[in-house]
Amino acid sequence: MPRQPSEQVRTPPSAVARETPAPAGPDLRPHPSRTTRTGGTDGTAHPTRTTDTTSTTDSINTTSTARPARTPLTPYHRLFAVPGARAFTLGNLLARLPSGMFSVSAVIMIAGSRGSYALAGAVTATGLAATALVAPWTARLVDRHGQARIAVPATAFALLGSLALLLCVRLGAPDWTLFAAYAATATTPNTGGMSRARWAHLFRDDPDAVHTANSFEQAADELCFMLGPVCAAFLCTALFPEAGTLVAGVLLMAGVLVFAAQRSTEPPPQRHPRSASPVLSPGMPPLLLGFLATGAVFGSMEVVTIAFADAHGHRGAAGAVLALQAAGSCAAGLLYGTLKPAGPAERRHRLGLAAMTLTMSLPLLAASLTGSLAVLAGALLLAGTATAPTMVTGMALVQRRTPEGRLNEGMTLAVTGLLGGIACGSALGGWVVERFSSTDGYAVPIAAAATALILSLLISGRFQRS
């Protein structure tokens, strides 16, 4: 207990030295507070008349070892220092990887059994359309009743649809059963949106941390986009056609269970939200249209690149070439997360879309001027660097414009817009390839990015926010 100023200690220095030997290592013991007596009326301190109960050596050790608290090495260390953050992130990554596996597995499984890529494409397109309709309703239930209560049963129902599809293909059931079974997988919850909602809840008073978290989530999206199709193709070809669907189902269920078990980081449910649907919020409709156009960039780029690789006799390398685009976006997203965003989010989003429009011209130049798949791969790597920063800022705008208590629904609507854009972009890209050439097809991603930029410019004056 610290002594009072009147308690002057006159212990001989030699006795102090015997009783309190200098420690060998850093002095981590608590030290009593020092009280210095003043002599005279001027308040001048006399250093030889102190009330320390420790020796001069201990005082020096205390001064030299008093260090400030360690700061995180990077902003990402700060994120994962939160209790439960690593666990729900691990579960989220396990659950998110199958999103890039199911469609590829279904195409390989159906085309191999029925001998029709047209049927396989129609079945997966039906599932995508069903997801676009059902996902916002699932997200609304998540907001009202909690992530754990809704995500687990919704995932279980979706897995029943995947297993039904597998059995229908395996047993040779009529074609219409394939459509019905794959449509049942539309209840798969948007685990990426739920993860972003958790970060927004944990760091609701720290915009910089939310920016870093959104950057990490976008990088995770790109990572799953890279690994998911590769894993699915390997499992379906190396083992048996149904292996991709089975492994994806196991990963999805296990990941959602791990994610849902982390209740301490889960946002509280809003059982009776007073706000209207996010679709009706100011600024949201044009922003969702921008996500639709951005999704068309991704969908058209995938189809056109596969067609270009096939036309040059390297169709098997198309997946690796597309993975480079995702790798560029992943790296840019992680780097962007370490930076502090400057200026209004709307302006940063427009700059990102402008950079995206410019970089999407690189694949067209590489394809038309060189015709080399290797040069195209490098162009796609560079083109991907503008994707993640644009998407991170777009998701931040969605979070700002979504009413309180409906965050999962708002972000799911953004993802739904992306999925719809991917479907439209794939169809448009395929049409251009068929009517003209695979090289001309690279004009579609440029046009889609430019459309998103124009939409952003048209609404900039009405919904400007800092």
Protein backbone atom coordinates (compact mmCIF):
# COMPACT_ATOMS: atom_id res chain seq x y z
CA MET A 1 0.00 0.00 0.00
CA PRO A 2 1.50 3.40 -0.89
CA ARG A 3 2.69 5.35 2.12
CA GLN A 4 1.34 8.77 3.03
CA PRO A 5 3.61 11.80 2.58
CA SER A 6 4.13 12.14 6.34
CA GLU A 7 5.57 8.65 6.66
CA GLN A 8 9.24 9.38 6.10
CA VAL A 9 11.43 6.29 6.02
CA ARG A 10 14.92 6.51 7.47
CA THR A 11 16.07 2.99 6.66
CA PRO A 12 19.84 2.88 6.12
CA PRO A 13 20.79 2.40 2.46
CA SER A 14 22.86 -0.65 3.33
CA ALA A 15 19.88 -2.36 4.88
CA VAL A 16 17.77 -1.64 1.80
CA ALA A 17 20.45 -3.13 -0.40
CA ARG A 18 20.49 -6.31 1.71
CA GLU A 19 16.70 -6.65 1.87
CA THR A 20 15.92 -5.88 -1.78
CA PRO A 21 18.61 -7.31 -4.05
CA ALA A 22 18.46 -6.30 -7.69
CA PRO A 23 16.59 -8.93 -9.73
CA ALA A 24 18.43 -10.83 -12.40
CA GLY A 25 15.77 -10.33 -15.08
CA PRO A 26 13.15 -7.68 -15.89
CA ASP A 27 11.58 -6.32 -12.73
CA LEU A 28 7.88 -7.19 -12.92
CA ARG A 29 7.03 -6.61 -9.22
CA PRO A 30 4.65 -3.80 -8.27
CA HIS A 31 6.50 -0.78 -6.84
CA PRO A 32 5.08 1.61 -4.27
CA SER A 33 4.53 5.16 -5.41
CA ARG A 34 7.30 7.64 -4.73
CA THR A 35 6.65 10.71 -2.55
CA THR A 36 9.24 13.46 -2.61
CA ARG A 37 9.61 15.89 0.28
CA THR A 38 10.01 19.51 -0.55
CA GLY A 39 12.41 21.71 1.32
CA GLY A 40 11.72 25.40 1.86
CA THR A 41 8.90 27.44 0.53
CA ASP A 42 9.86 27.34 -3.15
CA GLY A 43 8.67 23.80 -3.62
CA THR A 44 12.08 22.63 -4.89
CA ALA A 45 12.40 18.88 -4.63
CA HIS A 46 15.28 17.37 -2.70
CA PRO A 47 16.14 14.05 -4.33
CA THR A 48 17.98 12.79 -1.22
CA ARG A 49 14.88 13.03 0.98
CA THR A 50 12.45 10.63 -0.68
CA THR A 51 10.04 8.18 0.91
CA ASP A 52 10.91 5.26 -1.40
CA THR A 53 10.87 1.83 0.22
CA THR A 54 13.01 0.49 -2.59
CA SER A 55 16.58 1.08 -3.56
CA THR A 56 17.88 3.30 -6.32
CA THR A 57 18.57 0.19 -8.35
CA ASP A 58 14.92 -0.89 -8.21
CA SER A 59 13.81 2.60 -9.24
CA ILE A 60 16.05 2.45 -12.27
CA ASN A 61 14.72 -0.99 -13.15
CA THR A 62 11.16 0.25 -12.85
CA THR A 63 11.84 3.11 -15.24
CA SER A 64 13.68 1.00 -17.76
CA THR A 65 11.18 -1.85 -17.88
CA ALA A 66 7.97 0.22 -18.00
CA ARG A 67 6.90 -0.37 -21.58
CA PRO A 68 3.69 0.59 -23.37
CA ALA A 69 1.20 -2.10 -24.31
CA ARG A 70 2.06 -3.95 -27.47
CA THR A 71 0.25 -2.81 -30.56
CA PRO A 72 -0.91 -5.34 -33.18
CA LEU A 73 1.57 -6.03 -35.95
CA THR A 74 -1.11 -5.53 -38.60
CA PRO A 75 -4.79 -4.55 -38.51
CA TYR A 76 -5.63 -8.22 -39.07
CA HIS A 77 -4.00 -9.20 -35.77
CA ARG A 78 -6.40 -6.84 -34.07
CA LEU A 79 -9.38 -8.54 -35.68
CA PHE A 80 -8.46 -12.02 -34.56
CA ALA A 81 -7.55 -10.95 -31.05
CA VAL A 82 -11.29 -10.82 -30.33
CA PRO A 83 -12.37 -13.97 -28.45
CA GLY A 84 -14.23 -16.33 -30.77
CA ALA A 85 -13.20 -14.52 -33.97
CA ARG A 86 -10.79 -17.22 -35.12
CA ALA A 87 -13.30 -19.97 -34.48
CA PHE A 88 -16.17 -18.39 -36.41
CA THR A 89 -13.78 -17.45 -39.23
CA LEU A 90 -12.59 -21.04 -39.53
CA GLY A 91 -16.17 -22.30 -39.64
CA ASN A 92 -17.09 -19.63 -42.17
CA LEU A 93 -14.22 -20.58 -44.49
CA LEU A 94 -15.19 -24.26 -44.32
CA ALA A 95 -18.80 -23.37 -45.13
CA ARG A 96 -17.90 -20.89 -47.87
CA LEU A 97 -15.57 -23.14 -49.87
CA PRO A 98 -18.43 -25.39 -51.10
CA SER A 99 -20.09 -22.39 -52.74
CA GLY A 100 -17.53 -22.75 -55.52
CA MET A 101 -17.84 -26.55 -55.59
CA PHE A 102 -21.53 -27.34 -55.91
CA SER A 103 -22.21 -25.90 -59.35
CA VAL A 104 -19.05 -27.35 -60.92
CA SER A 105 -19.74 -30.73 -59.32
CA ALA A 106 -23.33 -30.67 -60.57
CA VAL A 107 -22.25 -29.85 -64.13
CA ILE A 108 -19.67 -32.65 -64.21
CA MET A 109 -22.05 -35.13 -62.59
CA ILE A 110 -25.05 -34.37 -64.83
CA ALA A 111 -23.10 -34.00 -68.07
CA GLY A 112 -21.23 -37.24 -67.41
CA SER A 113 -24.42 -39.17 -66.73
CA ARG A 114 -26.83 -37.61 -69.23
CA GLY A 115 -24.33 -36.54 -71.88
CA SER A 116 -25.73 -33.02 -72.11
CA TYR A 117 -23.99 -29.84 -71.03
CA ALA A 118 -27.11 -27.93 -71.99
CA LEU A 119 -29.13 -29.87 -69.42
CA ALA A 120 -26.43 -29.42 -66.80
CA GLY A 121 -26.29 -25.67 -67.45
CA ALA A 122 -30.06 -25.34 -67.30
CA VAL A 123 -30.23 -27.19 -63.98
CA THR A 124 -27.56 -25.00 -62.36
CA ALA A 125 -29.19 -21.85 -63.78
CA THR A 126 -32.49 -22.91 -62.21
CA GLY A 127 -30.77 -23.35 -58.87
CA LEU A 128 -29.21 -19.91 -59.20
CA ALA A 129 -32.57 -18.32 -59.96
CA ALA A 130 -34.17 -20.10 -57.00
CA THR A 131 -31.36 -18.85 -54.74
CA ALA A 132 -31.91 -15.29 -55.90
CA LEU A 133 -35.55 -15.56 -54.80
CA VAL A 134 -35.14 -17.50 -51.56
CA ALA A 135 -31.87 -16.10 -50.13
CA PRO A 136 -33.29 -12.69 -49.06
CA TRP A 137 -36.10 -14.44 -47.17
CA THR A 138 -33.62 -16.72 -45.44
CA ALA A 139 -31.51 -13.71 -44.48
CA ARG A 140 -34.58 -11.93 -43.12
CA LEU A 141 -35.27 -14.91 -40.86
CA VAL A 142 -31.64 -14.81 -39.73
CA ASP A 143 -32.00 -11.14 -38.74
CA ARG A 144 -35.20 -11.81 -36.81
CA HIS A 145 -34.37 -15.09 -35.06
CA GLY A 146 -30.57 -15.25 -34.95
CA GLN A 147 -27.88 -16.84 -37.08
CA ALA A 148 -27.62 -20.13 -35.19
CA ARG A 149 -31.37 -20.84 -35.07
CA ILE A 150 -31.87 -20.35 -38.81
CA ALA A 151 -28.56 -21.20 -40.48
CA VAL A 152 -28.32 -24.79 -39.21
CA PRO A 153 -31.79 -26.04 -40.29
CA ALA A 154 -31.59 -24.07 -43.54
CA THR A 155 -28.27 -25.75 -44.34
CA ALA A 156 -29.65 -29.17 -43.48
CA PHE A 157 -32.59 -28.66 -45.86
CA ALA A 158 -30.24 -27.51 -48.63
CA LEU A 159 -28.11 -30.62 -48.15
CA LEU A 160 -31.20 -32.77 -48.61
CA GLY A 161 -31.63 -31.11 -52.00
CA SER A 162 -28.02 -31.88 -52.95
CA LEU A 163 -28.38 -35.51 -51.91
CA ALA A 164 -31.67 -35.76 -53.82
CA LEU A 165 -29.92 -34.44 -56.92
CA LEU A 166 -27.15 -36.99 -56.49
CA LEU A 167 -29.64 -39.86 -56.16
CA CYS A 168 -31.71 -38.69 -59.11
CA VAL A 169 -28.63 -38.61 -61.32
CA ARG A 170 -27.37 -41.92 -60.01
CA LEU A 171 -30.72 -43.72 -60.40
CA GLY A 172 -31.56 -42.22 -63.80
CA ALA A 173 -34.65 -40.31 -62.66
CA PRO A 174 -36.52 -38.06 -65.16
CA ASP A 175 -34.91 -34.76 -66.04
CA TRP A 176 -37.54 -32.67 -64.25
CA THR A 177 -36.48 -34.19 -60.92
CA LEU A 178 -33.02 -32.71 -61.36
CA PHE A 179 -34.48 -29.22 -61.58
CA ALA A 180 -36.65 -29.75 -58.50
CA ALA A 181 -33.83 -31.22 -56.44
CA TYR A 182 -31.33 -28.50 -57.27
CA ALA A 183 -33.89 -25.77 -56.62
CA ALA A 184 -34.23 -27.12 -53.06
CA THR A 185 -30.61 -26.11 -52.37
CA ALA A 186 -31.66 -22.44 -52.50
CA THR A 187 -32.03 -22.32 -48.69
CA THR A 188 -28.23 -22.40 -48.28
CA PRO A 189 -27.50 -19.43 -45.97
CA ASN A 190 -25.18 -16.65 -47.03
CA THR A 191 -22.31 -17.41 -44.65
CA GLY A 192 -20.20 -14.60 -46.05
CA GLY A 193 -22.92 -12.09 -45.23
CA MET A 194 -23.37 -13.52 -41.74
CA SER A 195 -19.64 -13.23 -41.12
CA ARG A 196 -19.61 -9.60 -42.25
CA ALA A 197 -22.57 -8.96 -39.95
CA ARG A 198 -20.56 -10.31 -37.03
CA TRP A 199 -17.62 -8.05 -37.75
CA ALA A 200 -19.96 -5.06 -38.09
CA HIS A 201 -21.47 -5.94 -34.69
CA LEU A 202 -18.14 -6.48 -32.94
CA PHE A 203 -16.60 -3.26 -34.27
CA ARG A 204 -19.72 -1.12 -34.59
CA ASP A 205 -17.86 1.89 -33.15
CA ASP A 206 -14.64 1.38 -35.14
CA PRO A 207 -15.00 2.06 -38.90
CA ASP A 208 -11.33 1.30 -39.58
CA ALA A 209 -11.65 -2.20 -38.12
CA VAL A 210 -14.83 -2.83 -40.11
CA HIS A 211 -12.96 -1.77 -43.26
CA THR A 212 -10.20 -4.28 -42.49
CA ALA A 213 -12.77 -7.00 -41.79
CA ASN A 214 -14.59 -6.34 -45.07
CA SER A 215 -11.26 -6.53 -46.90
CA PHE A 216 -10.50 -9.86 -45.29
CA GLU A 217 -13.93 -11.22 -46.19
CA GLN A 218 -13.50 -10.17 -49.81
CA ALA A 219 -10.10 -11.87 -49.93
CA ALA A 220 -11.75 -14.99 -48.49
CA ASP A 221 -14.36 -14.85 -51.25
CA GLU A 222 -11.62 -14.76 -53.86
CA LEU A 223 -9.72 -17.59 -52.18
CA CYS A 224 -12.81 -19.81 -52.19
CA PHE A 225 -13.45 -18.86 -55.81
CA MET A 226 -9.94 -20.08 -56.65
CA LEU A 227 -9.94 -23.31 -54.66
CA GLY A 228 -13.59 -24.41 -54.90
CA PRO A 229 -13.82 -25.26 -58.61
CA VAL A 230 -10.34 -26.82 -58.60
CA CYS A 231 -11.24 -29.09 -55.67
CA ALA A 232 -14.56 -30.04 -57.25
CA ALA A 233 -13.02 -30.90 -60.61
CA PHE A 234 -10.28 -32.96 -58.97
CA LEU A 235 -12.68 -34.94 -56.77
CA CYS A 236 -15.15 -35.64 -59.58
CA THR A 237 -12.47 -36.79 -62.03
CA ALA A 238 -9.99 -38.52 -59.72
CA LEU A 239 -12.53 -40.38 -57.57
CA PHE A 240 -16.10 -40.62 -58.93
CA PRO A 241 -18.58 -38.06 -60.35
CA GLU A 242 -20.56 -37.71 -57.13
CA ALA A 243 -17.48 -37.14 -54.93
CA GLY A 244 -17.50 -33.37 -55.35
CA THR A 245 -21.09 -33.03 -54.18
CA LEU A 246 -20.55 -35.33 -51.20
CA VAL A 247 -17.40 -33.59 -49.97
CA ALA A 248 -18.94 -30.15 -50.48
CA GLY A 249 -21.96 -31.19 -48.44
CA VAL A 250 -19.82 -32.43 -45.54
CA LEU A 251 -17.73 -29.23 -45.54
CA LEU A 252 -20.82 -27.02 -45.66
CA MET A 253 -22.57 -28.71 -42.74
CA ALA A 254 -19.43 -28.91 -40.61
CA GLY A 255 -18.55 -25.28 -41.30
CA VAL A 256 -22.03 -23.98 -40.45
CA LEU A 257 -22.08 -25.98 -37.21
CA VAL A 258 -18.72 -24.57 -36.13
CA PHE A 259 -19.79 -21.07 -37.15
CA ALA A 260 -23.14 -21.25 -35.36
CA ALA A 261 -21.52 -22.60 -32.17
CA GLN A 262 -19.73 -19.28 -31.59
CA ARG A 263 -22.64 -17.59 -29.86
CA SER A 264 -20.59 -14.89 -28.10
CA THR A 265 -19.87 -13.08 -31.37
CA GLU A 266 -23.35 -13.46 -32.87
CA PRO A 267 -25.32 -10.24 -33.40
CA PRO A 268 -28.50 -10.09 -31.31
CA PRO A 269 -31.67 -10.85 -33.29
CA GLN A 270 -34.14 -8.10 -34.12
CA ARG A 271 -37.47 -9.87 -33.70
CA HIS A 272 -39.60 -6.87 -34.54
CA PRO A 273 -37.59 -4.54 -36.77
CA ARG A 274 -39.26 -1.18 -37.24
CA SER A 275 -37.52 -0.40 -40.50
CA ALA A 276 -38.70 -1.28 -43.97
CA SER A 277 -36.98 -3.66 -46.37
CA PRO A 278 -33.43 -2.64 -47.41
CA VAL A 279 -34.66 -2.50 -51.01
CA LEU A 280 -36.66 0.61 -50.10
CA SER A 281 -33.78 2.38 -48.33
CA PRO A 282 -32.43 5.57 -49.96
CA GLY A 283 -29.61 4.78 -52.33
CA MET A 284 -30.01 1.01 -52.20
CA PRO A 285 -31.83 0.30 -55.52
CA PRO A 286 -29.16 1.90 -57.74
CA LEU A 287 -26.42 0.36 -55.60
CA LEU A 288 -27.94 -3.11 -56.10
CA LEU A 289 -28.13 -2.43 -59.83
CA GLY A 290 -24.43 -1.65 -59.67
CA PHE A 291 -23.82 -5.05 -58.04
CA LEU A 292 -25.83 -6.62 -60.85
CA ALA A 293 -23.54 -4.99 -63.43
CA THR A 294 -20.44 -5.96 -61.45
CA GLY A 295 -21.59 -9.57 -61.35
CA ALA A 296 -21.86 -9.47 -65.14
CA VAL A 297 -18.14 -8.65 -65.22
CA PHE A 298 -17.32 -11.90 -63.41
CA GLY A 299 -19.77 -14.10 -65.29
CA SER A 300 -18.76 -12.93 -68.75
CA MET A 301 -15.03 -13.08 -67.96
CA GLU A 302 -15.32 -16.72 -66.91
CA VAL A 303 -17.19 -17.88 -70.02
CA VAL A 304 -15.07 -15.86 -72.45
CA THR A 305 -11.79 -17.05 -70.92
CA ILE A 306 -12.86 -20.69 -71.16
CA ALA A 307 -13.83 -20.14 -74.79
CA PHE A 308 -10.53 -18.37 -75.55
CA ALA A 309 -8.47 -21.16 -73.97
CA ASP A 310 -10.50 -23.77 -75.86
CA ALA A 311 -10.03 -21.94 -79.16
CA HIS A 312 -6.26 -22.01 -78.66
CA GLY A 313 -6.18 -25.69 -77.69
CA HIS A 314 -5.67 -25.19 -73.95
CA ARG A 315 -9.09 -25.66 -72.45
CA GLY A 316 -7.70 -27.55 -69.47
CA ALA A 317 -5.68 -24.47 -68.47
CA ALA A 318 -8.72 -22.17 -68.31
CA GLY A 319 -9.25 -22.83 -64.60
CA ALA A 320 -5.67 -21.93 -63.73
CA VAL A 321 -5.84 -18.77 -65.83
CA LEU A 322 -9.05 -17.66 -64.11
CA ALA A 323 -7.49 -18.47 -60.73
CA LEU A 324 -4.83 -15.85 -61.45
CA GLN A 325 -7.50 -13.18 -61.69
CA ALA A 326 -8.85 -14.27 -58.31
CA ALA A 327 -5.31 -14.32 -56.91
CA GLY A 328 -4.75 -10.72 -57.97
CA SER A 329 -8.01 -9.70 -56.33
CA CYS A 330 -7.19 -11.64 -53.14
CA ALA A 331 -3.79 -9.98 -52.78
CA ALA A 332 -5.22 -6.53 -53.48
CA GLY A 333 -7.98 -7.09 -50.93
CA LEU A 334 -5.56 -8.05 -48.15
CA LEU A 335 -3.35 -5.05 -48.92
CA TYR A 336 -6.33 -2.72 -49.06
CA GLY A 337 -7.37 -3.89 -45.61
CA THR A 338 -4.13 -2.58 -44.08
CA LEU A 339 -4.77 0.94 -45.38
CA LYS A 340 -7.02 3.54 -43.85
CA PRO A 341 -9.63 4.62 -46.38
CA ALA A 342 -9.61 8.34 -47.13
CA GLY A 343 -12.48 10.42 -48.43
CA PRO A 344 -16.17 9.57 -48.84
CA ALA A 345 -17.00 5.94 -49.54
CA GLU A 346 -19.07 6.95 -52.58
CA ARG A 347 -16.08 8.63 -54.19
CA ARG A 348 -13.82 5.66 -53.43
CA HIS A 349 -16.40 3.34 -54.96
CA ARG A 350 -16.52 5.39 -58.15
CA LEU A 351 -12.73 5.42 -58.34
CA GLY A 352 -12.72 1.65 -57.90
CA LEU A 353 -15.24 1.16 -60.68
CA ALA A 354 -13.23 3.45 -62.94
CA ALA A 355 -10.07 1.44 -62.22
CA MET A 356 -12.02 -1.74 -62.85
CA THR A 357 -13.19 -0.45 -66.24
CA LEU A 358 -9.64 0.41 -67.22
CA THR A 359 -8.05 -2.82 -66.03
CA MET A 360 -10.71 -4.95 -67.72
CA SER A 361 -9.40 -3.62 -71.02
CA LEU A 362 -6.08 -5.40 -70.41
CA PRO A 363 -7.42 -8.90 -71.27
CA LEU A 364 -8.96 -7.54 -74.48
CA LEU A 365 -5.63 -5.99 -75.48
CA ALA A 366 -3.72 -9.15 -74.59
CA ALA A 367 -6.09 -11.38 -76.54
CA SER A 368 -6.35 -9.18 -79.63
CA LEU A 369 -2.70 -8.12 -79.90
CA THR A 370 -0.87 -11.30 -78.90
CA GLY A 371 -3.32 -14.20 -78.91
CA SER A 372 -1.13 -15.75 -76.20
CA LEU A 373 -2.72 -17.52 -73.26
CA ALA A 374 0.32 -16.76 -71.09
CA VAL A 375 0.06 -13.03 -71.79
CA LEU A 376 -3.68 -13.21 -71.15
CA ALA A 377 -2.99 -14.83 -67.77
CA GLY A 378 -0.77 -11.91 -66.79
CA ALA A 379 -3.41 -9.44 -67.93
CA LEU A 380 -6.06 -11.19 -65.84
CA LEU A 381 -3.77 -11.09 -62.79
CA LEU A 382 -3.48 -7.32 -63.16
CA ALA A 383 -7.17 -6.92 -63.93
CA GLY A 384 -8.07 -8.66 -60.69
CA THR A 385 -6.28 -6.08 -58.55
CA ALA A 386 -9.08 -3.54 -58.99
CA THR A 387 -11.84 -5.98 -58.06
CA ALA A 388 -11.42 -6.43 -54.32
CA PRO A 389 -11.08 -2.73 -53.34
CA THR A 390 -14.20 -1.96 -55.36
CA MET A 391 -16.17 -4.78 -53.78
CA VAL A 392 -14.99 -3.90 -50.26
CA THR A 393 -16.17 -0.31 -50.66
CA GLY A 394 -19.42 -1.46 -52.24
CA MET A 395 -20.15 -3.74 -49.27
CA ALA A 396 -19.36 -0.87 -46.90
CA LEU A 397 -21.97 1.24 -48.69
CA VAL A 398 -24.49 -1.59 -48.38
CA GLN A 399 -23.86 -1.74 -44.63
CA ARG A 400 -24.34 2.02 -44.30
CA ARG A 401 -27.57 2.11 -46.29
CA THR A 402 -29.14 -0.97 -44.73
CA PRO A 403 -31.62 -0.14 -41.94
CA GLU A 404 -30.83 -1.28 -38.43
CA GLY A 405 -31.77 -4.86 -37.71
CA ARG A 406 -31.67 -5.97 -41.36
CA LEU A 407 -27.95 -6.23 -42.06
CA ASN A 408 -27.97 -9.89 -43.13
CA GLU A 409 -30.84 -9.20 -45.50
CA GLY A 410 -29.12 -6.15 -46.99
CA MET A 411 -25.86 -7.96 -47.70
CA THR A 412 -27.69 -10.99 -49.04
CA LEU A 413 -29.50 -8.72 -51.49
CA ALA A 414 -26.09 -7.48 -52.67
CA VAL A 415 -24.88 -11.06 -53.13
CA THR A 416 -28.12 -11.89 -54.93
CA GLY A 417 -27.45 -9.00 -57.28
CA LEU A 418 -24.00 -10.38 -57.95
CA LEU A 419 -25.38 -13.85 -58.66
CA GLY A 420 -27.97 -12.45 -61.04
CA GLY A 421 -25.27 -10.45 -62.79
CA ILE A 422 -23.06 -13.51 -63.09
CA ALA A 423 -25.90 -15.40 -64.79
CA CYS A 424 -26.63 -12.51 -67.17
CA GLY A 425 -22.94 -11.97 -67.90
CA SER A 426 -22.42 -15.65 -68.66
CA ALA A 427 -25.31 -15.65 -71.11
CA LEU A 428 -24.21 -12.42 -72.81
CA GLY A 429 -20.58 -13.48 -72.96
CA GLY A 430 -21.52 -16.80 -74.50
CA TRP A 431 -23.72 -15.09 -77.07
CA VAL A 432 -20.91 -12.75 -78.16
CA VAL A 433 -18.47 -15.66 -78.42
CA GLU A 434 -20.91 -17.63 -80.57
CA ARG A 435 -21.80 -14.70 -82.86
CA PHE A 436 -18.35 -13.14 -83.15
CA SER A 437 -15.24 -14.57 -81.46
CA SER A 438 -13.73 -15.30 -78.06
CA THR A 439 -11.47 -12.27 -78.41
CA ASP A 440 -14.46 -9.99 -79.02
CA GLY A 441 -16.08 -11.49 -75.95
CA TYR A 442 -13.65 -9.59 -73.72
CA ALA A 443 -15.53 -6.42 -74.61
CA VAL A 444 -18.45 -7.62 -72.45
CA PRO A 445 -16.63 -7.27 -69.07
CA ILE A 446 -15.54 -3.77 -70.07
CA ALA A 447 -19.09 -2.78 -70.95
CA ALA A 448 -20.42 -4.26 -67.69
CA ALA A 449 -17.85 -2.39 -65.56
CA ALA A 450 -18.57 0.82 -67.44
CA THR A 451 -22.31 0.35 -66.79
CA ALA A 452 -21.67 0.00 -63.06
CA LEU A 453 -19.55 3.17 -63.16
CA ILE A 454 -22.25 5.13 -65.01
CA LEU A 455 -24.87 4.03 -62.46
CA SER A 456 -22.60 5.20 -59.65
CA LEU A 457 -22.02 8.56 -61.33
CA LEU A 458 -25.74 9.11 -61.92
CA ILE A 459 -26.60 8.76 -58.24
CA SER A 460 -23.51 10.43 -56.79
CA GLY A 461 -25.17 13.80 -56.32
CA ARG A 462 -28.27 12.45 -54.59
CA PHE A 463 -26.84 10.02 -52.06
CA GLN A 464 -23.48 11.51 -51.13
CA ARG A 465 -22.36 10.53 -47.65
CA SER A 466 -19.07 10.80 -45.90
